[in-house]
Amino acid sequence: KVMIIEFSGLPGNGKSTIARRLVGEKNIQRIRIDNKYELIWYNLLFLIKHPIKFIVRLIYVFRNSVSFKMFYFKFMNVFLNTNAKFEKATKYDLALLDQGFMQSVGSIFEREVTEEEIKKYSKYLLFPDLLIFFEAPYDVLDSRIEKRGHFTRPFLTAEYLKKWKEVVRTNFVTFKKLFPSLPCKVKIVDANRDIDEVFLEITNNLDI
């Protein structure tokens, strides 16, 4: 049986670090799109299987882009790459997505949205078998991001990024309210701990 696991949460929560360790120590496939051929092929498969979700989400990308540069960024990263990675994940018995459809809830919108708006958007997503949501205090995340040297969308101004960071945080809080109604298993992980503790909880307590 195929099992798709998705990591989600704000930047700075350690999702990528944990994902790399799982690949190194566990029998799990971290999904990456390796070239343009894969990107195109898996999107064609996705379009054939899910035409309405494909078209509606493309409209969401267009309507929630404030410039052509933003549209291109979302089209490549939030749309095409996400579609392809999920489709590729279905090939494996145990696959990990550390940037998937659930993460797009924080990437698609440029403004704070209501619970009802997120619920409407969620109708056009594909869900993993298990969603692991990482969370930590904002000051901890800010400190980690500062050490890392970047947030996301480095091509934008500092003023915009500051405003967008607050939008993402608010929308993820709203998204969490929908967790009990999502058609997948959800586990919330406290990421405000040593990375070894977080890794052990995921691998041991979550039976991965």
N, C-alpha and C. Protein backbone atom coordinates (compact mmCIF):
# COMPACT_ATOMS: atom_id res chain seq x y z
N LYS A 1 0.84 -1.19 0.00
CA LYS A 1 0.00 0.00 0.00
C LYS A 1 0.88 1.25 0.00
N VAL A 2 0.57 2.17 -0.90
CA VAL A 2 1.33 3.41 -0.97
C VAL A 2 1.01 4.26 0.25
N MET A 3 2.05 4.82 0.88
CA MET A 3 1.86 5.76 1.98
C MET A 3 2.62 7.02 1.67
N ILE A 4 1.90 8.12 1.57
CA ILE A 4 2.52 9.42 1.32
C ILE A 4 2.46 10.24 2.59
N ILE A 5 3.62 10.69 3.03
CA ILE A 5 3.75 11.52 4.22
C ILE A 5 4.13 12.92 3.77
N GLU A 6 3.47 13.91 4.32
CA GLU A 6 3.84 15.29 4.00
C GLU A 6 4.22 16.05 5.26
N PHE A 7 5.33 16.77 5.19
CA PHE A 7 5.74 17.70 6.23
C PHE A 7 5.19 19.08 5.89
N SER A 8 4.64 19.76 6.89
CA SER A 8 4.14 21.11 6.66
C SER A 8 4.43 21.96 7.89
N GLY A 9 4.43 23.26 7.72
CA GLY A 9 4.70 24.17 8.81
C GLY A 9 5.49 25.37 8.32
N LEU A 10 5.65 26.34 9.17
CA LEU A 10 6.33 27.57 8.80
C LEU A 10 7.82 27.34 8.57
N PRO A 11 8.46 28.17 7.76
CA PRO A 11 9.91 28.08 7.58
C PRO A 11 10.64 28.22 8.92
N GLY A 12 11.70 27.45 9.09
CA GLY A 12 12.47 27.49 10.33
C GLY A 12 12.14 26.38 11.30
N ASN A 13 11.15 25.55 10.96
CA ASN A 13 10.73 24.47 11.85
C ASN A 13 11.58 23.21 11.74
N GLY A 14 12.50 23.17 10.78
CA GLY A 14 13.39 22.02 10.65
C GLY A 14 12.88 20.90 9.77
N LYS A 15 11.90 21.19 8.92
CA LYS A 15 11.31 20.16 8.06
C LYS A 15 12.35 19.52 7.14
N SER A 16 13.15 20.36 6.49
CA SER A 16 14.14 19.84 5.54
C SER A 16 15.23 19.04 6.25
N THR A 17 15.62 19.50 7.43
CA THR A 17 16.66 18.79 8.20
C THR A 17 16.18 17.39 8.58
N ILE A 18 14.94 17.31 9.08
CA ILE A 18 14.37 16.02 9.45
C ILE A 18 14.21 15.13 8.22
N ALA A 19 13.79 15.73 7.11
CA ALA A 19 13.60 14.97 5.88
C ALA A 19 14.91 14.33 5.42
N ARG A 20 15.99 15.08 5.49
CA ARG A 20 17.30 14.54 5.08
C ARG A 20 17.71 13.38 5.98
N ARG A 21 17.43 13.47 7.27
CA ARG A 21 17.80 12.40 8.19
C ARG A 21 16.96 11.15 7.94
N LEU A 22 15.69 11.33 7.63
CA LEU A 22 14.84 10.18 7.34
C LEU A 22 15.34 9.42 6.12
N VAL A 23 15.77 10.16 5.12
CA VAL A 23 16.31 9.53 3.92
C VAL A 23 17.58 8.75 4.24
N GLY A 24 18.41 9.32 5.11
CA GLY A 24 19.68 8.69 5.44
C GLY A 24 19.55 7.49 6.36
N GLU A 25 18.50 7.47 7.21
CA GLU A 25 18.42 6.45 8.24
C GLU A 25 17.21 5.51 8.13
N LYS A 26 16.26 5.86 7.30
CA LYS A 26 15.04 5.04 7.19
C LYS A 26 14.76 4.71 5.73
N ASN A 27 13.97 3.69 5.52
CA ASN A 27 13.62 3.27 4.16
C ASN A 27 12.47 4.13 3.65
N ILE A 28 12.78 5.37 3.31
CA ILE A 28 11.76 6.31 2.87
C ILE A 28 12.30 7.10 1.69
N GLN A 29 11.45 7.38 0.73
CA GLN A 29 11.86 8.10 -0.48
C GLN A 29 11.42 9.55 -0.38
N ARG A 30 12.39 10.45 -0.30
CA ARG A 30 12.09 11.87 -0.31
C ARG A 30 11.92 12.31 -1.77
N ILE A 31 10.75 12.83 -2.09
CA ILE A 31 10.42 13.08 -3.48
C ILE A 31 11.02 14.39 -3.98
N ARG A 32 11.74 14.28 -5.09
CA ARG A 32 12.30 15.44 -5.78
C ARG A 32 12.03 15.29 -7.28
N ILE A 33 11.84 16.40 -7.95
CA ILE A 33 11.71 16.39 -9.40
C ILE A 33 13.07 16.74 -9.96
N ASP A 34 13.65 15.80 -10.71
CA ASP A 34 15.06 15.90 -11.09
C ASP A 34 15.33 16.69 -12.36
N ASN A 35 14.33 16.83 -13.23
CA ASN A 35 14.59 17.51 -14.49
C ASN A 35 13.27 17.99 -15.11
N LYS A 36 13.38 18.72 -16.22
CA LYS A 36 12.19 19.27 -16.89
C LYS A 36 11.31 18.16 -17.45
N TYR A 37 11.94 17.07 -17.89
CA TYR A 37 11.15 15.96 -18.42
C TYR A 37 10.20 15.43 -17.35
N GLU A 38 10.72 15.20 -16.14
CA GLU A 38 9.86 14.72 -15.05
C GLU A 38 8.77 15.74 -14.73
N LEU A 39 9.14 17.01 -14.71
CA LEU A 39 8.18 18.06 -14.39
C LEU A 39 7.01 18.04 -15.37
N ILE A 40 7.32 17.94 -16.65
CA ILE A 40 6.28 17.94 -17.67
C ILE A 40 5.48 16.63 -17.66
N TRP A 41 6.19 15.50 -17.58
CA TRP A 41 5.52 14.20 -17.62
C TRP A 41 4.55 14.00 -16.47
N TYR A 42 4.99 14.29 -15.26
CA TYR A 42 4.13 14.07 -14.11
C TYR A 42 2.98 15.07 -14.07
N ASN A 43 3.17 16.27 -14.62
CA ASN A 43 2.05 17.21 -14.70
C ASN A 43 1.03 16.76 -15.73
N LEU A 44 1.48 16.16 -16.81
CA LEU A 44 0.53 15.61 -17.79
C LEU A 44 -0.30 14.49 -17.16
N LEU A 45 0.35 13.62 -16.42
CA LEU A 45 -0.38 12.56 -15.73
C LEU A 45 -1.37 13.15 -14.72
N PHE A 46 -0.91 14.15 -14.00
CA PHE A 46 -1.77 14.79 -13.01
C PHE A 46 -2.99 15.42 -13.69
N LEU A 47 -2.76 16.10 -14.81
CA LEU A 47 -3.86 16.74 -15.54
C LEU A 47 -4.88 15.72 -16.02
N ILE A 48 -4.41 14.59 -16.51
CA ILE A 48 -5.31 13.54 -16.98
C ILE A 48 -6.15 12.97 -15.84
N LYS A 49 -5.52 12.78 -14.69
CA LYS A 49 -6.21 12.17 -13.54
C LYS A 49 -7.10 13.18 -12.81
N HIS A 50 -6.64 14.45 -12.73
CA HIS A 50 -7.34 15.45 -11.91
C HIS A 50 -7.52 16.76 -12.68
N PRO A 51 -8.25 16.74 -13.79
CA PRO A 51 -8.34 17.94 -14.63
C PRO A 51 -8.95 19.15 -13.93
N ILE A 52 -9.99 18.94 -13.13
CA ILE A 52 -10.63 20.08 -12.47
C ILE A 52 -9.71 20.69 -11.42
N LYS A 53 -9.07 19.85 -10.61
CA LYS A 53 -8.14 20.36 -9.60
C LYS A 53 -6.98 21.11 -10.27
N PHE A 54 -6.52 20.58 -11.38
CA PHE A 54 -5.42 21.21 -12.12
C PHE A 54 -5.82 22.61 -12.58
N ILE A 55 -6.95 22.72 -13.23
CA ILE A 55 -7.37 23.99 -13.80
C ILE A 55 -7.72 25.02 -12.72
N VAL A 56 -8.47 24.58 -11.71
CA VAL A 56 -8.88 25.53 -10.66
C VAL A 56 -7.68 26.04 -9.88
N ARG A 57 -6.73 25.16 -9.57
CA ARG A 57 -5.55 25.62 -8.83
C ARG A 57 -4.70 26.56 -9.67
N LEU A 58 -4.66 26.36 -10.98
CA LEU A 58 -3.95 27.29 -11.85
C LEU A 58 -4.60 28.67 -11.80
N ILE A 59 -5.93 28.70 -11.73
CA ILE A 59 -6.64 29.96 -11.60
C ILE A 59 -6.29 30.63 -10.27
N TYR A 60 -6.20 29.83 -9.20
CA TYR A 60 -5.80 30.37 -7.90
C TYR A 60 -4.42 31.03 -7.99
N VAL A 61 -3.50 30.38 -8.67
CA VAL A 61 -2.15 30.93 -8.82
C VAL A 61 -2.20 32.27 -9.53
N PHE A 62 -2.97 32.34 -10.60
CA PHE A 62 -3.08 33.57 -11.38
C PHE A 62 -3.71 34.69 -10.55
N ARG A 63 -4.80 34.39 -9.88
CA ARG A 63 -5.53 35.42 -9.13
C ARG A 63 -4.76 35.89 -7.89
N ASN A 64 -3.87 35.08 -7.39
CA ASN A 64 -3.14 35.44 -6.17
C ASN A 64 -1.68 35.80 -6.46
N SER A 65 -1.44 36.34 -7.63
CA SER A 65 -0.09 36.81 -8.00
C SER A 65 -0.14 38.30 -8.27
N VAL A 66 0.75 39.04 -7.62
CA VAL A 66 0.72 40.50 -7.72
C VAL A 66 1.59 41.02 -8.86
N SER A 67 2.33 40.14 -9.50
CA SER A 67 3.18 40.54 -10.61
C SER A 67 3.49 39.31 -11.46
N PHE A 68 4.07 39.53 -12.63
CA PHE A 68 4.43 38.39 -13.48
C PHE A 68 5.51 37.55 -12.81
N LYS A 69 6.46 38.21 -12.17
CA LYS A 69 7.53 37.47 -11.49
C LYS A 69 6.96 36.58 -10.40
N MET A 70 5.96 37.11 -9.66
CA MET A 70 5.32 36.31 -8.63
C MET A 70 4.54 35.15 -9.24
N PHE A 71 3.83 35.43 -10.34
CA PHE A 71 3.09 34.36 -11.01
C PHE A 71 4.02 33.24 -11.46
N TYR A 72 5.14 33.61 -12.05
CA TYR A 72 6.09 32.60 -12.53
C TYR A 72 6.63 31.78 -11.37
N PHE A 73 6.96 32.44 -10.27
CA PHE A 73 7.48 31.75 -9.09
C PHE A 73 6.46 30.73 -8.57
N LYS A 74 5.20 31.17 -8.44
CA LYS A 74 4.16 30.27 -7.92
C LYS A 74 3.82 29.18 -8.93
N PHE A 75 3.80 29.55 -10.21
CA PHE A 75 3.49 28.56 -11.25
C PHE A 75 4.50 27.43 -11.23
N MET A 76 5.78 27.75 -11.09
CA MET A 76 6.82 26.73 -11.10
C MET A 76 6.88 25.97 -9.78
N ASN A 77 6.83 26.68 -8.66
CA ASN A 77 7.09 26.06 -7.35
C ASN A 77 5.84 25.57 -6.62
N VAL A 78 4.79 26.39 -6.61
CA VAL A 78 3.58 26.04 -5.86
C VAL A 78 2.65 25.18 -6.71
N PHE A 79 2.73 25.32 -8.02
CA PHE A 79 1.81 24.60 -8.91
C PHE A 79 2.47 23.40 -9.59
N LEU A 80 3.32 23.64 -10.57
CA LEU A 80 3.89 22.53 -11.34
C LEU A 80 4.70 21.56 -10.48
N ASN A 81 5.58 22.09 -9.65
CA ASN A 81 6.43 21.22 -8.84
C ASN A 81 5.62 20.40 -7.84
N THR A 82 4.60 21.03 -7.24
CA THR A 82 3.77 20.32 -6.27
C THR A 82 2.96 19.21 -6.94
N ASN A 83 2.39 19.51 -8.10
CA ASN A 83 1.65 18.48 -8.84
C ASN A 83 2.54 17.29 -9.16
N ALA A 84 3.72 17.60 -9.71
CA ALA A 84 4.63 16.54 -10.16
C ALA A 84 5.12 15.70 -8.99
N LYS A 85 5.45 16.33 -7.88
CA LYS A 85 5.96 15.59 -6.73
C LYS A 85 4.91 14.64 -6.16
N PHE A 86 3.67 15.10 -6.09
CA PHE A 86 2.62 14.22 -5.55
C PHE A 86 2.40 13.03 -6.49
N GLU A 87 2.36 13.31 -7.79
CA GLU A 87 2.16 12.24 -8.76
C GLU A 87 3.31 11.24 -8.71
N LYS A 88 4.54 11.72 -8.59
CA LYS A 88 5.70 10.84 -8.50
C LYS A 88 5.67 10.03 -7.22
N ALA A 89 5.17 10.62 -6.14
CA ALA A 89 5.13 9.94 -4.84
C ALA A 89 4.27 8.67 -4.88
N THR A 90 3.29 8.64 -5.77
CA THR A 90 2.40 7.47 -5.83
C THR A 90 3.12 6.23 -6.35
N LYS A 91 4.34 6.39 -6.86
CA LYS A 91 5.12 5.25 -7.37
C LYS A 91 5.79 4.46 -6.26
N TYR A 92 5.88 5.04 -5.07
CA TYR A 92 6.67 4.43 -3.99
C TYR A 92 5.78 3.92 -2.85
N ASP A 93 6.28 2.92 -2.15
CA ASP A 93 5.55 2.38 -1.00
C ASP A 93 5.52 3.35 0.16
N LEU A 94 6.61 4.11 0.33
CA LEU A 94 6.71 5.06 1.43
C LEU A 94 7.42 6.31 0.91
N ALA A 95 6.67 7.38 0.73
CA ALA A 95 7.21 8.59 0.12
C ALA A 95 7.02 9.78 1.04
N LEU A 96 7.99 10.70 1.01
CA LEU A 96 7.95 11.89 1.84
C LEU A 96 7.95 13.14 0.97
N LEU A 97 7.00 14.02 1.26
CA LEU A 97 6.95 15.33 0.62
C LEU A 97 7.22 16.38 1.69
N ASP A 98 8.27 17.17 1.53
CA ASP A 98 8.49 18.24 2.50
C ASP A 98 8.06 19.60 1.94
N GLN A 99 7.53 19.59 0.75
CA GLN A 99 6.85 20.76 0.18
C GLN A 99 5.73 20.22 -0.70
N GLY A 100 4.52 20.16 -0.15
CA GLY A 100 3.43 19.56 -0.89
C GLY A 100 2.19 20.43 -0.92
N PHE A 101 1.04 19.80 -1.16
CA PHE A 101 -0.21 20.55 -1.27
C PHE A 101 -0.58 21.26 0.02
N MET A 102 -0.34 20.63 1.17
CA MET A 102 -0.69 21.27 2.44
C MET A 102 0.16 22.53 2.66
N GLN A 103 1.42 22.46 2.25
CA GLN A 103 2.30 23.62 2.40
C GLN A 103 1.85 24.77 1.49
N SER A 104 1.18 24.43 0.39
CA SER A 104 0.75 25.47 -0.54
C SER A 104 -0.30 26.39 0.06
N VAL A 105 -0.96 25.95 1.13
CA VAL A 105 -1.93 26.81 1.81
C VAL A 105 -1.23 28.08 2.31
N GLY A 106 0.04 27.94 2.69
CA GLY A 106 0.79 29.10 3.15
C GLY A 106 1.49 29.84 2.04
N SER A 107 1.53 29.26 0.84
CA SER A 107 2.27 29.86 -0.26
C SER A 107 1.41 30.52 -1.32
N ILE A 108 0.15 30.13 -1.39
CA ILE A 108 -0.69 30.57 -2.49
C ILE A 108 -1.27 31.96 -2.29
N PHE A 109 -1.63 32.30 -1.04
CA PHE A 109 -2.35 33.55 -0.79
C PHE A 109 -1.41 34.71 -0.47
N GLU A 110 -1.81 35.89 -0.90
CA GLU A 110 -1.04 37.11 -0.63
C GLU A 110 -1.69 37.96 0.46
N ARG A 111 -2.76 37.46 1.02
CA ARG A 111 -3.49 38.19 2.07
C ARG A 111 -4.01 37.18 3.08
N GLU A 112 -4.43 37.70 4.23
CA GLU A 112 -5.04 36.84 5.22
C GLU A 112 -6.41 36.39 4.73
N VAL A 113 -6.69 35.11 4.85
CA VAL A 113 -7.96 34.56 4.35
C VAL A 113 -8.73 33.90 5.48
N THR A 114 -10.01 33.72 5.26
CA THR A 114 -10.87 33.14 6.28
C THR A 114 -10.80 31.62 6.25
N GLU A 115 -11.34 31.02 7.28
CA GLU A 115 -11.42 29.57 7.36
C GLU A 115 -12.22 29.01 6.19
N GLU A 116 -13.28 29.70 5.82
CA GLU A 116 -14.12 29.26 4.72
C GLU A 116 -13.37 29.31 3.38
N GLU A 117 -12.52 30.33 3.21
CA GLU A 117 -11.74 30.44 1.97
C GLU A 117 -10.71 29.32 1.86
N ILE A 118 -10.08 29.00 2.98
CA ILE A 118 -9.12 27.90 2.96
C ILE A 118 -9.82 26.57 2.72
N LYS A 119 -10.99 26.41 3.32
CA LYS A 119 -11.77 25.19 3.11
C LYS A 119 -12.14 25.04 1.64
N LYS A 120 -12.51 26.15 1.00
CA LYS A 120 -12.85 26.12 -0.42
C LYS A 120 -11.64 25.75 -1.27
N TYR A 121 -10.48 26.36 -0.95
CA TYR A 121 -9.25 26.05 -1.68
C TYR A 121 -8.86 24.58 -1.49
N SER A 122 -9.07 24.06 -0.29
CA SER A 122 -8.67 22.69 0.04
C SER A 122 -9.42 21.65 -0.78
N LYS A 123 -10.57 22.00 -1.32
CA LYS A 123 -11.34 21.07 -2.15
C LYS A 123 -10.57 20.67 -3.41
N TYR A 124 -9.59 21.50 -3.78
CA TYR A 124 -8.86 21.26 -5.02
C TYR A 124 -7.43 20.77 -4.76
N LEU A 125 -7.20 20.26 -3.55
CA LEU A 125 -5.90 19.71 -3.19
C LEU A 125 -5.98 18.18 -3.13
N LEU A 126 -4.82 17.55 -3.20
CA LEU A 126 -4.73 16.12 -2.93
C LEU A 126 -4.04 15.95 -1.58
N PHE A 127 -4.53 15.03 -0.78
CA PHE A 127 -4.06 14.90 0.60
C PHE A 127 -3.14 13.70 0.76
N PRO A 128 -2.14 13.84 1.63
CA PRO A 128 -1.27 12.70 1.94
C PRO A 128 -2.02 11.72 2.83
N ASP A 129 -1.41 10.57 3.06
CA ASP A 129 -1.98 9.65 4.04
C ASP A 129 -1.74 10.16 5.46
N LEU A 130 -0.60 10.83 5.64
CA LEU A 130 -0.24 11.35 6.95
C LEU A 130 0.36 12.75 6.79
N LEU A 131 -0.23 13.71 7.47
CA LEU A 131 0.30 15.08 7.50
C LEU A 131 0.98 15.30 8.85
N ILE A 132 2.27 15.64 8.82
CA ILE A 132 3.00 15.97 10.03
C ILE A 132 3.25 17.47 10.03
N PHE A 133 2.63 18.15 10.96
CA PHE A 133 2.69 19.60 11.02
C PHE A 133 3.66 20.03 12.12
N PHE A 134 4.69 20.76 11.74
CA PHE A 134 5.70 21.24 12.67
C PHE A 134 5.33 22.63 13.17
N GLU A 135 5.49 22.84 14.48
CA GLU A 135 5.25 24.19 14.99
C GLU A 135 6.20 24.51 16.14
N ALA A 136 6.57 25.80 16.20
CA ALA A 136 7.45 26.32 17.24
C ALA A 136 7.13 27.80 17.42
N PRO A 137 7.50 28.40 18.57
CA PRO A 137 7.23 29.83 18.78
C PRO A 137 7.86 30.69 17.68
N TYR A 138 7.21 31.79 17.36
CA TYR A 138 7.67 32.65 16.28
C TYR A 138 9.08 33.19 16.52
N ASP A 139 9.41 33.50 17.78
CA ASP A 139 10.74 34.04 18.03
C ASP A 139 11.82 32.99 17.76
N VAL A 140 11.50 31.73 18.01
CA VAL A 140 12.44 30.65 17.71
C VAL A 140 12.62 30.52 16.20
N LEU A 141 11.51 30.57 15.48
CA LEU A 141 11.57 30.48 14.02
C LEU A 141 12.37 31.64 13.44
N ASP A 142 12.13 32.85 13.95
CA ASP A 142 12.85 34.03 13.46
C ASP A 142 14.35 33.88 13.68
N SER A 143 14.72 33.34 14.83
CA SER A 143 16.14 33.15 15.14
C SER A 143 16.77 32.15 14.18
N ARG A 144 16.07 31.07 13.90
CA ARG A 144 16.59 30.04 12.99
C ARG A 144 16.71 30.59 11.57
N ILE A 145 15.71 31.36 11.15
CA ILE A 145 15.73 31.93 9.81
C ILE A 145 16.89 32.92 9.67
N GLU A 146 17.12 33.70 10.73
CA GLU A 146 18.23 34.66 10.71
C GLU A 146 19.57 33.94 10.57
N LYS A 147 19.71 32.82 11.28
CA LYS A 147 20.95 32.04 11.17
C LYS A 147 21.10 31.43 9.78
N ARG A 148 19.96 31.01 9.23
CA ARG A 148 19.98 30.41 7.90
C ARG A 148 20.29 31.44 6.82
N GLY A 149 19.88 32.67 7.06
CA GLY A 149 20.24 33.75 6.14
C GLY A 149 19.18 34.14 5.15
N HIS A 150 18.05 33.40 5.09
CA HIS A 150 16.99 33.78 4.16
C HIS A 150 15.67 33.19 4.62
N PHE A 151 14.58 33.79 4.20
CA PHE A 151 13.23 33.29 4.48
C PHE A 151 12.80 32.50 3.26
N THR A 152 11.97 33.01 2.42
CA THR A 152 11.67 32.45 1.10
C THR A 152 11.44 33.61 0.17
N ARG A 153 11.35 33.36 -1.11
CA ARG A 153 11.12 34.41 -2.10
C ARG A 153 12.17 35.53 -1.99
N PRO A 154 13.44 35.21 -2.11
CA PRO A 154 14.51 36.19 -1.92
C PRO A 154 14.51 37.31 -2.94
N PHE A 155 13.74 37.18 -4.03
CA PHE A 155 13.71 38.23 -5.06
C PHE A 155 12.84 39.41 -4.66
N LEU A 156 12.15 39.34 -3.51
CA LEU A 156 11.24 40.40 -3.09
C LEU A 156 11.87 41.30 -2.04
N THR A 157 11.28 42.46 -1.84
CA THR A 157 11.83 43.45 -0.92
C THR A 157 11.64 43.00 0.52
N ALA A 158 12.48 43.53 1.41
CA ALA A 158 12.40 43.20 2.83
C ALA A 158 11.05 43.62 3.40
N GLU A 159 10.53 44.75 2.94
CA GLU A 159 9.24 45.23 3.43
C GLU A 159 8.11 44.27 3.06
N TYR A 160 8.14 43.80 1.81
CA TYR A 160 7.13 42.83 1.37
C TYR A 160 7.25 41.53 2.16
N LEU A 161 8.46 41.02 2.31
CA LEU A 161 8.66 39.75 3.01
C LEU A 161 8.17 39.81 4.45
N LYS A 162 8.38 40.95 5.10
CA LYS A 162 7.92 41.12 6.48
C LYS A 162 6.40 41.02 6.54
N LYS A 163 5.73 41.67 5.61
CA LYS A 163 4.27 41.64 5.58
C LYS A 163 3.77 40.25 5.21
N TRP A 164 4.42 39.62 4.22
CA TRP A 164 3.99 38.31 3.76
C TRP A 164 4.20 37.25 4.84
N LYS A 165 5.27 37.38 5.62
CA LYS A 165 5.53 36.43 6.70
C LYS A 165 4.37 36.43 7.70
N GLU A 166 3.82 37.60 8.01
CA GLU A 166 2.69 37.68 8.93
C GLU A 166 1.44 37.05 8.31
N VAL A 167 1.26 37.25 7.01
CA VAL A 167 0.12 36.65 6.31
C VAL A 167 0.19 35.13 6.39
N VAL A 168 1.38 34.58 6.10
CA VAL A 168 1.56 33.12 6.13
C VAL A 168 1.27 32.58 7.52
N ARG A 169 1.78 33.24 8.53
CA ARG A 169 1.57 32.77 9.90
C ARG A 169 0.09 32.77 10.27
N THR A 170 -0.60 33.82 9.92
CA THR A 170 -2.03 33.90 10.23
C THR A 170 -2.81 32.84 9.48
N ASN A 171 -2.49 32.63 8.22
CA ASN A 171 -3.22 31.64 7.42
C ASN A 171 -2.96 30.21 7.89
N PHE A 172 -1.76 29.94 8.39
CA PHE A 172 -1.50 28.61 8.92
C PHE A 172 -2.27 28.37 10.22
N VAL A 173 -2.43 29.41 11.04
CA VAL A 173 -3.24 29.29 12.26
C VAL A 173 -4.69 28.96 11.88
N THR A 174 -5.18 29.64 10.85
CA THR A 174 -6.53 29.37 10.37
C THR A 174 -6.64 27.96 9.80
N PHE A 175 -5.63 27.55 9.06
CA PHE A 175 -5.62 26.22 8.45
C PHE A 175 -5.67 25.14 9.52
N LYS A 176 -4.98 25.35 10.63
CA LYS A 176 -4.96 24.35 11.71
C LYS A 176 -6.36 24.05 12.24
N LYS A 177 -7.25 25.02 12.17
CA LYS A 177 -8.62 24.81 12.65
C LYS A 177 -9.34 23.75 11.81
N LEU A 178 -8.86 23.54 10.60
CA LEU A 178 -9.50 22.57 9.71
C LEU A 178 -8.93 21.16 9.87
N PHE A 179 -7.88 21.00 10.64
CA PHE A 179 -7.21 19.70 10.75
C PHE A 179 -8.17 18.56 11.10
N PRO A 180 -9.08 18.75 12.07
CA PRO A 180 -9.98 17.62 12.43
C PRO A 180 -10.86 17.16 11.27
N SER A 181 -11.09 18.01 10.29
CA SER A 181 -11.98 17.65 9.19
C SER A 181 -11.24 17.21 7.93
N LEU A 182 -9.91 17.22 7.95
CA LEU A 182 -9.15 16.84 6.76
C LEU A 182 -9.26 15.32 6.52
N PRO A 183 -9.28 14.90 5.26
CA PRO A 183 -9.40 13.47 4.95
C PRO A 183 -8.07 12.73 5.03
N CYS A 184 -7.30 13.00 6.07
CA CYS A 184 -6.02 12.31 6.27
C CYS A 184 -5.68 12.37 7.76
N LYS A 185 -4.76 11.52 8.15
CA LYS A 185 -4.30 11.54 9.54
C LYS A 185 -3.37 12.72 9.74
N VAL A 186 -3.51 13.43 10.86
CA VAL A 186 -2.69 14.62 11.14
C VAL A 186 -1.99 14.46 12.48
N LYS A 187 -0.69 14.73 12.50
CA LYS A 187 0.08 14.74 13.74
C LYS A 187 0.79 16.10 13.85
N ILE A 188 0.63 16.75 15.00
CA ILE A 188 1.30 18.03 15.24
C ILE A 188 2.53 17.76 16.10
N VAL A 189 3.67 18.24 15.63
CA VAL A 189 4.94 17.98 16.30
C VAL A 189 5.50 19.29 16.86
N ASP A 190 5.91 19.24 18.12
CA ASP A 190 6.57 20.39 18.75
C ASP A 190 8.00 20.48 18.24
N ALA A 191 8.28 21.46 17.40
CA ALA A 191 9.61 21.61 16.80
C ALA A 191 10.54 22.49 17.63
N ASN A 192 10.07 22.94 18.78
CA ASN A 192 10.90 23.77 19.65
C ASN A 192 11.72 22.90 20.60
N ARG A 193 12.45 21.95 20.02
CA ARG A 193 13.27 21.02 20.78
C ARG A 193 14.50 20.69 19.97
N ASP A 194 15.39 19.97 20.63
CA ASP A 194 16.57 19.49 19.92
C ASP A 194 16.12 18.63 18.74
N ILE A 195 16.84 18.75 17.63
CA ILE A 195 16.46 18.06 16.40
C ILE A 195 16.42 16.54 16.59
N ASP A 196 17.27 16.01 17.49
CA ASP A 196 17.27 14.56 17.75
C ASP A 196 15.96 14.12 18.40
N GLU A 197 15.43 14.95 19.31
CA GLU A 197 14.17 14.63 19.97
C GLU A 197 13.02 14.61 18.98
N VAL A 198 13.01 15.60 18.10
CA VAL A 198 11.95 15.66 17.09
C VAL A 198 12.03 14.45 16.17
N PHE A 199 13.24 14.11 15.77
CA PHE A 199 13.44 12.97 14.88
C PHE A 199 12.96 11.68 15.54
N LEU A 200 13.29 11.49 16.81
CA LEU A 200 12.88 10.27 17.52
C LEU A 200 11.37 10.18 17.65
N GLU A 201 10.73 11.32 17.91
CA GLU A 201 9.27 11.30 18.03
C GLU A 201 8.62 10.87 16.71
N ILE A 202 9.13 11.41 15.63
CA ILE A 202 8.56 11.09 14.32
C ILE A 202 8.77 9.62 13.97
N THR A 203 9.97 9.14 14.18
CA THR A 203 10.28 7.75 13.79
C THR A 203 9.72 6.71 14.75
N ASN A 204 9.74 6.99 16.03
CA ASN A 204 9.28 6.01 17.02
C ASN A 204 7.78 6.11 17.32
N ASN A 205 7.36 7.27 17.78
CA ASN A 205 5.97 7.42 18.19
C ASN A 205 5.00 7.40 17.01
N LEU A 206 5.46 7.81 15.84
CA LEU A 206 4.58 7.82 14.67
C LEU A 206 4.77 6.59 13.80
N ASP A 207 5.59 5.66 14.24
CA ASP A 207 5.77 4.38 13.55
C ASP A 207 6.19 4.52 12.09
N ILE A 208 7.08 5.43 11.83
CA ILE A 208 7.60 5.57 10.47
C ILE A 208 8.85 4.74 10.34
